[in-house]
Protein backbone atom coordinates (compact mmCIF):
# COMPACT_ATOMS: atom_id res chain seq x y z
CA UNK A 1 107.19 117.58 94.83
CA UNK A 2 104.16 116.81 97.03
CA UNK A 3 103.20 119.76 99.23
CA UNK A 4 101.60 118.79 102.55
CA UNK A 5 99.79 120.92 105.11
CA UNK A 6 100.46 119.70 108.65
CA UNK A 7 97.67 121.10 110.78
CA UNK A 8 99.01 123.18 113.67
CA UNK A 9 96.53 122.93 116.52
CA UNK A 10 99.05 123.08 119.39
CA UNK A 11 98.91 119.34 120.18
CA UNK A 12 102.50 118.14 119.91
CA UNK A 13 104.82 116.10 117.66
CA UNK A 14 104.55 118.54 114.77
CA UNK A 15 108.31 118.66 114.22
CA UNK A 16 108.82 114.88 114.29
CA UNK A 17 106.07 114.16 111.74
CA UNK A 18 107.35 117.05 109.64
CA UNK A 19 110.87 115.59 109.72
CA UNK A 20 109.60 112.11 108.78
CA UNK A 21 107.66 113.42 105.81
CA UNK A 22 110.61 115.48 104.61
CA UNK A 23 112.79 112.35 104.76
CA UNK A 24 110.49 110.63 102.26
CA UNK A 25 110.52 113.53 99.83
CA UNK A 26 107.59 115.76 100.77
CA UNK A 27 107.54 119.50 101.13
CA UNK A 28 105.73 120.36 104.36
CA UNK A 29 104.23 123.41 105.96
CA UNK A 30 103.06 123.46 109.58
CA UNK A 31 100.04 125.73 109.35
CA UNK A 32 96.68 126.96 110.56
CA UNK A 33 96.15 129.09 107.45
CA UNK A 34 93.06 127.99 105.47
CA UNK A 35 94.64 129.20 102.21
CA UNK A 36 97.70 127.00 102.75
CA UNK A 37 95.44 124.06 103.53
CA UNK A 38 93.43 124.67 100.35
CA UNK A 39 96.52 124.92 98.16
CA UNK A 40 98.19 121.81 99.60
CA UNK A 41 98.29 118.39 97.91
CA UNK A 42 97.39 116.61 101.14
CA UNK A 43 96.47 117.18 104.79
CA UNK A 44 98.12 115.64 107.86
CA UNK A 45 96.72 115.84 111.38
CA UNK A 46 99.21 114.48 113.94
CA UNK A 47 98.91 115.01 117.67
CA UNK A 48 99.49 113.90 121.25
CA UNK A 49 97.14 114.79 124.09
CA UNK A 50 93.48 114.79 125.09
CA UNK A 51 90.67 114.39 122.54
CA UNK A 52 88.44 117.16 123.96
CA UNK A 53 91.23 119.74 124.03
CA UNK A 54 92.20 118.80 120.48
CA UNK A 55 88.67 119.34 119.15
CA UNK A 56 88.51 122.76 120.85
CA UNK A 57 91.80 123.75 119.26
CA UNK A 58 90.63 122.50 115.87
CA UNK A 59 87.30 124.33 115.99
CA UNK A 60 88.32 127.18 113.70
CA UNK A 61 89.80 124.78 111.10
CA UNK A 62 87.21 122.01 111.24
CA UNK A 63 85.10 123.31 108.36
CA UNK A 64 88.00 123.81 105.94
CA UNK A 65 89.52 120.42 106.80
CA UNK A 66 86.24 118.56 106.29
CA UNK A 67 85.45 120.41 103.06
CA UNK A 68 88.87 119.61 101.61
CA UNK A 69 88.53 115.94 102.53
CA UNK A 70 85.03 115.87 101.06
CA UNK A 71 86.46 117.25 97.80
CA UNK A 72 88.87 114.30 97.69
CA UNK A 73 92.10 115.73 99.09
CA UNK A 74 94.31 112.95 100.54
CA UNK A 75 94.40 112.91 104.33
CA UNK A 76 96.59 111.23 106.94
CA UNK A 77 95.76 111.14 110.65
CA UNK A 78 98.40 110.05 113.17
CA UNK A 79 97.88 108.95 116.81
CA UNK A 80 95.48 111.56 118.27
CA UNK A 81 94.83 112.64 114.67
CA UNK A 82 93.71 109.04 114.02
CA UNK A 83 91.20 109.15 116.89
CA UNK A 84 89.83 112.57 115.95
CA UNK A 85 88.42 111.33 112.64
CA UNK A 86 85.87 109.20 114.50
CA UNK A 87 82.43 110.16 115.72
CA UNK A 88 83.11 110.61 119.42
CA UNK A 89 85.45 109.87 122.31
CA UNK A 90 84.89 108.88 125.94
CA UNK A 91 88.20 110.43 127.11
CA UNK A 92 87.45 112.68 130.14
CA UNK A 93 83.75 112.81 129.27
CA UNK A 94 81.99 112.45 125.92
CA UNK A 95 83.36 114.59 123.10
CA UNK A 96 82.33 114.86 119.46
CA UNK A 97 85.00 114.21 116.84
CA UNK A 98 85.32 115.09 113.18
CA UNK A 99 82.90 112.25 112.35
CA UNK A 100 84.63 111.25 109.11
CA UNK A 101 84.18 107.63 110.18
CA UNK A 102 81.53 106.23 112.50
CA UNK A 103 82.80 104.84 115.79
CA UNK A 104 83.64 105.63 119.40
CA UNK A 105 87.07 106.06 120.97
CA UNK A 106 87.32 104.13 124.25
CA UNK A 107 89.97 103.38 126.89
CA UNK A 108 92.24 100.37 126.69
CA UNK A 109 91.32 97.62 129.23
CA UNK A 110 92.26 98.04 132.88
CA UNK A 111 94.13 94.75 132.64
CA UNK A 112 97.02 96.44 130.77
CA UNK A 113 99.37 99.26 131.67
CA UNK A 114 98.46 102.57 130.07
CA UNK A 115 99.62 104.35 128.12
CA UNK A 116 100.42 101.60 125.66
CA UNK A 117 103.95 102.83 124.96
CA UNK A 118 106.64 101.27 122.83
CA UNK A 119 107.02 98.80 119.97
CA UNK A 120 104.21 96.45 119.01
CA UNK A 121 103.10 94.50 115.94
CA UNK A 122 100.57 95.28 113.26
CA UNK A 123 98.56 92.44 111.76
CA UNK A 124 97.62 93.43 108.22
CA UNK A 125 94.04 92.68 107.19
CA UNK A 126 93.92 94.34 103.76
CA UNK A 127 97.05 93.89 101.67
CA UNK A 128 95.45 95.73 98.74
CA UNK A 129 95.57 99.09 100.52
CA UNK A 130 98.29 101.40 99.17
CA UNK A 131 99.35 102.44 102.69
CA UNK A 132 100.68 98.93 103.45
CA UNK A 133 102.41 98.32 100.12
CA UNK A 134 105.75 96.64 100.84
CA UNK A 135 105.01 96.33 104.58
CA UNK A 136 105.38 92.86 106.10
CA UNK A 137 102.66 91.39 108.30
CA UNK A 138 103.60 91.50 112.00
CA UNK A 139 105.96 94.44 111.47
CA UNK A 140 106.81 96.41 114.62
CA UNK A 141 105.79 100.06 114.96
CA UNK A 142 105.85 102.57 117.81
CA UNK A 143 102.78 103.39 119.91
CA UNK A 144 101.92 105.94 122.63
CA UNK A 145 98.21 105.94 123.56
CA UNK A 146 95.64 105.00 126.19
CA UNK A 147 92.52 105.08 124.02
CA UNK A 148 91.56 103.42 120.75
CA UNK A 149 88.66 103.70 118.30
CA UNK A 150 86.07 101.03 117.61
CA UNK A 151 84.95 101.65 114.02
CA UNK A 152 81.31 100.94 113.17
CA UNK A 153 82.42 99.84 109.67
CA UNK A 154 84.96 96.99 110.04
CA UNK A 155 85.81 97.17 106.34
CA UNK A 156 87.87 100.34 106.92
CA UNK A 157 90.29 98.46 109.18
CA UNK A 158 93.50 97.61 107.29
CA UNK A 159 95.60 96.51 110.28
CA UNK A 160 95.08 95.60 113.93
CA UNK A 161 97.28 95.35 117.03
CA UNK A 162 96.99 93.29 120.24
CA UNK A 163 97.33 94.96 123.63
CA UNK A 164 94.82 93.61 126.11
CA UNK A 165 92.35 93.72 123.24
CA UNK A 166 92.61 93.57 119.45
CA UNK A 167 92.19 97.12 118.21
CA UNK A 168 92.29 98.89 114.85
CA UNK A 169 95.76 100.35 114.39
CA UNK A 170 95.36 101.41 110.73
CA UNK A 171 92.22 102.45 108.88
CA UNK A 172 91.61 103.68 105.37
CA UNK A 173 88.88 104.44 102.87
CA UNK A 174 89.53 105.90 99.44
CA UNK A 175 91.83 108.93 100.02
CA UNK A 176 91.55 108.90 103.84
CA UNK A 177 94.24 107.12 105.87
CA UNK A 178 95.08 107.00 109.56
CA UNK A 179 97.39 105.18 111.98
CA UNK A 180 97.17 104.82 115.77
CA UNK A 181 100.94 104.40 115.93
CA UNK A 182 103.57 107.00 115.06
CA UNK A 183 105.06 106.17 111.63
CA UNK A 184 107.61 108.99 112.08
CA UNK A 185 108.98 107.14 115.14
CA UNK A 186 108.73 103.62 113.61
CA UNK A 187 112.09 103.38 111.83
CA UNK A 188 112.18 102.05 108.25
CA UNK A 189 108.68 100.55 108.44
CA UNK A 190 107.15 103.87 109.45
CA UNK A 191 109.04 105.81 106.82
CA UNK A 192 107.85 103.33 104.19
CA UNK A 193 104.24 103.95 105.29
CA UNK A 194 104.79 107.72 104.98
CA UNK A 195 106.37 107.16 101.58
CA UNK A 196 103.34 105.11 100.53
CA UNK A 197 101.10 108.05 101.45
CA UNK A 198 103.25 110.38 99.31
CA UNK A 199 103.18 107.90 96.43
CA UNK A 200 99.38 107.70 96.67
CA UNK A 201 99.16 111.48 96.29
CA UNK A 202 101.51 111.42 93.29
CA UNK A 203 99.24 108.96 91.49
């Protein structure tokens, strides 16, 4: 069984992502223990809330998370966890992120209601990525966010979504995956995406 470390940095939705991953066959541990993170088969950073607060709460775990990812451990970021892997965010000032991918997190246009909350479609750009295996183009998934990242490397974008602007809703490179939407709240499509992450680790 795949053992996952869900990073506990006091930023919400830990139980729902844990429940979703258990449904698809993973063993999960919500943790802030570096030894548990090291011994895990994969790392998950979920989250709901403000970027700056999240980075403060992650400060003590940043080094271990980055070192494990650098060593090739599979990683999944969800919602706020998706945004944190970028270089910086403009949410309530300028804040530095984990800088796994280059890019800035910016606010959705003023022409749309924020937060972007509810079901919306993903337009798949890279069908070869293991995270979207068996997922239909234009599938509906569940979003809750007011900011989105603009990656400096467009080749990492595997799906986009339209909401006032076309934004990256899924990114991936090698063993690093992330979604702006909540797969754990996205019914069968979301569970399939989580299952794909588990299957990637098994390989």
